[in-house]
């Protein structure tokens, strides 16, 4: 449980480098999907454990 929470927090921190705020997240075994707002637009990032981040 603690590992999972740390993983989600790292992913949200990484996504917040580009987002104004986080609205939702979804955790999978391979990545954490973070949805948030940037300039009024909704954007979803897939953040992998190694720090790679892709726009979905």
N, C-alpha and C. Protein backbone atom coordinates (compact mmCIF):
# COMPACT_ATOMS: atom_id res chain seq x y z
N UNK A 1 0.83 -1.20 0.00
CA UNK A 1 0.00 0.00 0.00
C UNK A 1 0.87 1.25 0.00
N UNK A 2 1.90 1.28 0.83
CA UNK A 2 2.78 2.44 0.90
C UNK A 2 3.52 2.62 -0.42
N UNK A 3 3.97 1.51 -1.00
CA UNK A 3 4.67 1.55 -2.29
C UNK A 3 3.77 2.15 -3.36
N UNK A 4 2.51 1.75 -3.35
CA UNK A 4 1.54 2.24 -4.32
C UNK A 4 1.32 3.74 -4.17
N UNK A 5 1.20 4.19 -2.94
CA UNK A 5 0.97 5.62 -2.69
C UNK A 5 2.18 6.45 -3.11
N UNK A 6 3.39 5.96 -2.84
CA UNK A 6 4.60 6.66 -3.27
C UNK A 6 4.67 6.73 -4.79
N UNK A 7 4.31 5.65 -5.44
CA UNK A 7 4.31 5.60 -6.90
C UNK A 7 3.34 6.63 -7.49
N UNK A 8 2.14 6.72 -6.93
CA UNK A 8 1.14 7.68 -7.39
C UNK A 8 1.62 9.10 -7.13
N UNK A 9 2.18 9.35 -5.97
CA UNK A 9 2.69 10.69 -5.65
C UNK A 9 3.80 11.12 -6.60
N UNK A 10 4.72 10.20 -6.93
CA UNK A 10 5.79 10.51 -7.88
C UNK A 10 5.22 10.85 -9.25
N UNK A 11 4.23 10.06 -9.69
CA UNK A 11 3.60 10.29 -10.99
C UNK A 11 2.87 11.63 -11.03
N UNK A 12 2.17 11.96 -9.96
CA UNK A 12 1.47 13.24 -9.91
C UNK A 12 2.45 14.40 -9.88
N UNK A 13 3.53 14.28 -9.14
CA UNK A 13 4.56 15.32 -9.12
C UNK A 13 5.15 15.53 -10.50
N UNK A 14 5.41 14.44 -11.20
CA UNK A 14 5.98 14.52 -12.56
C UNK A 14 4.99 15.20 -13.49
N UNK A 15 3.70 14.83 -13.41
CA UNK A 15 2.67 15.43 -14.28
C UNK A 15 2.45 16.89 -13.95
N UNK A 16 2.58 17.26 -12.68
CA UNK A 16 2.37 18.66 -12.28
C UNK A 16 3.45 19.59 -12.79
N UNK A 17 4.53 19.06 -13.35
CA UNK A 17 5.52 19.90 -14.01
C UNK A 17 4.89 20.59 -15.22
N UNK A 18 3.85 19.99 -15.79
CA UNK A 18 3.17 20.54 -16.97
C UNK A 18 1.73 20.96 -16.71
N UNK A 19 1.10 20.36 -15.71
CA UNK A 19 -0.31 20.63 -15.44
C UNK A 19 -0.49 21.73 -14.41
N UNK A 20 -1.64 22.39 -14.47
CA UNK A 20 -2.00 23.37 -13.43
C UNK A 20 -2.47 22.66 -12.16
N UNK A 21 -3.26 21.61 -12.34
CA UNK A 21 -3.71 20.80 -11.21
C UNK A 21 -4.15 19.43 -11.70
N UNK A 22 -4.18 18.47 -10.78
CA UNK A 22 -4.57 17.09 -11.08
C UNK A 22 -6.04 16.92 -10.72
N UNK A 23 -6.80 16.34 -11.63
CA UNK A 23 -8.22 16.10 -11.40
C UNK A 23 -8.49 14.65 -11.01
N UNK A 24 -7.70 13.72 -11.58
CA UNK A 24 -7.97 12.30 -11.36
C UNK A 24 -6.71 11.51 -11.69
N UNK A 25 -6.61 10.30 -11.16
CA UNK A 25 -5.53 9.40 -11.55
C UNK A 25 -6.06 7.97 -11.55
N UNK A 26 -5.39 7.14 -12.32
CA UNK A 26 -5.75 5.72 -12.43
C UNK A 26 -4.45 4.93 -12.45
N UNK A 27 -4.32 4.00 -11.55
CA UNK A 27 -3.09 3.22 -11.42
C UNK A 27 -3.22 1.87 -12.11
N UNK A 28 -2.24 1.52 -12.94
CA UNK A 28 -2.15 0.22 -13.59
C UNK A 28 -0.82 -0.40 -13.19
N UNK A 29 -0.59 -1.67 -13.51
CA UNK A 29 0.71 -2.28 -13.17
C UNK A 29 1.89 -1.65 -13.91
N UNK A 30 1.63 -1.08 -15.10
CA UNK A 30 2.72 -0.54 -15.92
C UNK A 30 2.93 0.95 -15.78
N UNK A 31 1.89 1.71 -15.46
CA UNK A 31 1.98 3.16 -15.40
C UNK A 31 0.87 3.72 -14.53
N UNK A 32 0.97 5.02 -14.24
CA UNK A 32 -0.10 5.74 -13.56
C UNK A 32 -0.61 6.77 -14.56
N UNK A 33 -1.90 6.75 -14.81
CA UNK A 33 -2.51 7.69 -15.73
C UNK A 33 -3.03 8.87 -14.92
N UNK A 34 -2.55 10.06 -15.23
CA UNK A 34 -2.89 11.27 -14.48
C UNK A 34 -3.64 12.22 -15.42
N UNK A 35 -4.84 12.63 -15.02
CA UNK A 35 -5.64 13.57 -15.79
C UNK A 35 -5.69 14.88 -15.04
N UNK A 36 -5.46 15.97 -15.76
CA UNK A 36 -5.47 17.28 -15.13
C UNK A 36 -5.77 18.37 -16.12
N UNK A 37 -5.60 19.60 -15.68
CA UNK A 37 -5.90 20.76 -16.50
C UNK A 37 -4.64 21.57 -16.75
N UNK A 38 -4.54 22.05 -18.00
CA UNK A 38 -3.45 22.95 -18.36
C UNK A 38 -4.05 24.02 -19.26
N UNK A 39 -4.10 25.24 -18.78
CA UNK A 39 -4.64 26.33 -19.57
C UNK A 39 -6.09 26.16 -19.96
N UNK A 40 -6.86 25.49 -19.14
CA UNK A 40 -8.27 25.26 -19.41
C UNK A 40 -8.57 24.01 -20.20
N UNK A 41 -7.55 23.33 -20.72
CA UNK A 41 -7.72 22.09 -21.46
C UNK A 41 -7.48 20.90 -20.54
N UNK A 42 -8.22 19.81 -20.78
CA UNK A 42 -7.99 18.57 -20.03
C UNK A 42 -6.94 17.75 -20.76
N UNK A 43 -5.94 17.28 -20.02
CA UNK A 43 -4.86 16.50 -20.59
C UNK A 43 -4.65 15.27 -19.72
N UNK A 44 -4.37 14.13 -20.37
CA UNK A 44 -4.08 12.90 -19.66
C UNK A 44 -2.66 12.46 -19.99
N UNK A 45 -1.88 12.21 -18.95
CA UNK A 45 -0.52 11.71 -19.11
C UNK A 45 -0.44 10.29 -18.58
N UNK A 46 0.36 9.49 -19.25
CA UNK A 46 0.72 8.18 -18.71
C UNK A 46 2.15 8.31 -18.22
N UNK A 47 2.33 8.15 -16.92
CA UNK A 47 3.65 8.29 -16.30
C UNK A 47 4.12 6.89 -15.90
N UNK A 48 5.24 6.48 -16.49
CA UNK A 48 5.80 5.16 -16.21
C UNK A 48 6.75 5.25 -15.01
N UNK A 49 7.04 4.11 -14.40
CA UNK A 49 7.87 4.08 -13.19
C UNK A 49 9.26 4.63 -13.42
N UNK A 50 9.78 4.55 -14.64
CA UNK A 50 11.14 5.04 -14.91
C UNK A 50 11.15 6.54 -15.21
N UNK A 51 9.99 7.22 -15.11
CA UNK A 51 9.93 8.66 -15.28
C UNK A 51 9.48 9.11 -16.65
N UNK A 52 9.37 8.16 -17.61
CA UNK A 52 8.87 8.55 -18.94
C UNK A 52 7.43 9.00 -18.80
N UNK A 53 7.05 10.00 -19.61
CA UNK A 53 5.70 10.52 -19.55
C UNK A 53 5.21 10.76 -20.97
N UNK A 54 4.04 10.23 -21.27
CA UNK A 54 3.46 10.35 -22.61
C UNK A 54 2.05 10.94 -22.51
N UNK A 55 1.71 11.79 -23.45
CA UNK A 55 0.35 12.34 -23.53
C UNK A 55 -0.53 11.29 -24.16
N UNK A 56 -1.66 11.07 -23.57
CA UNK A 56 -2.60 10.10 -24.14
C UNK A 56 -3.61 10.83 -24.99
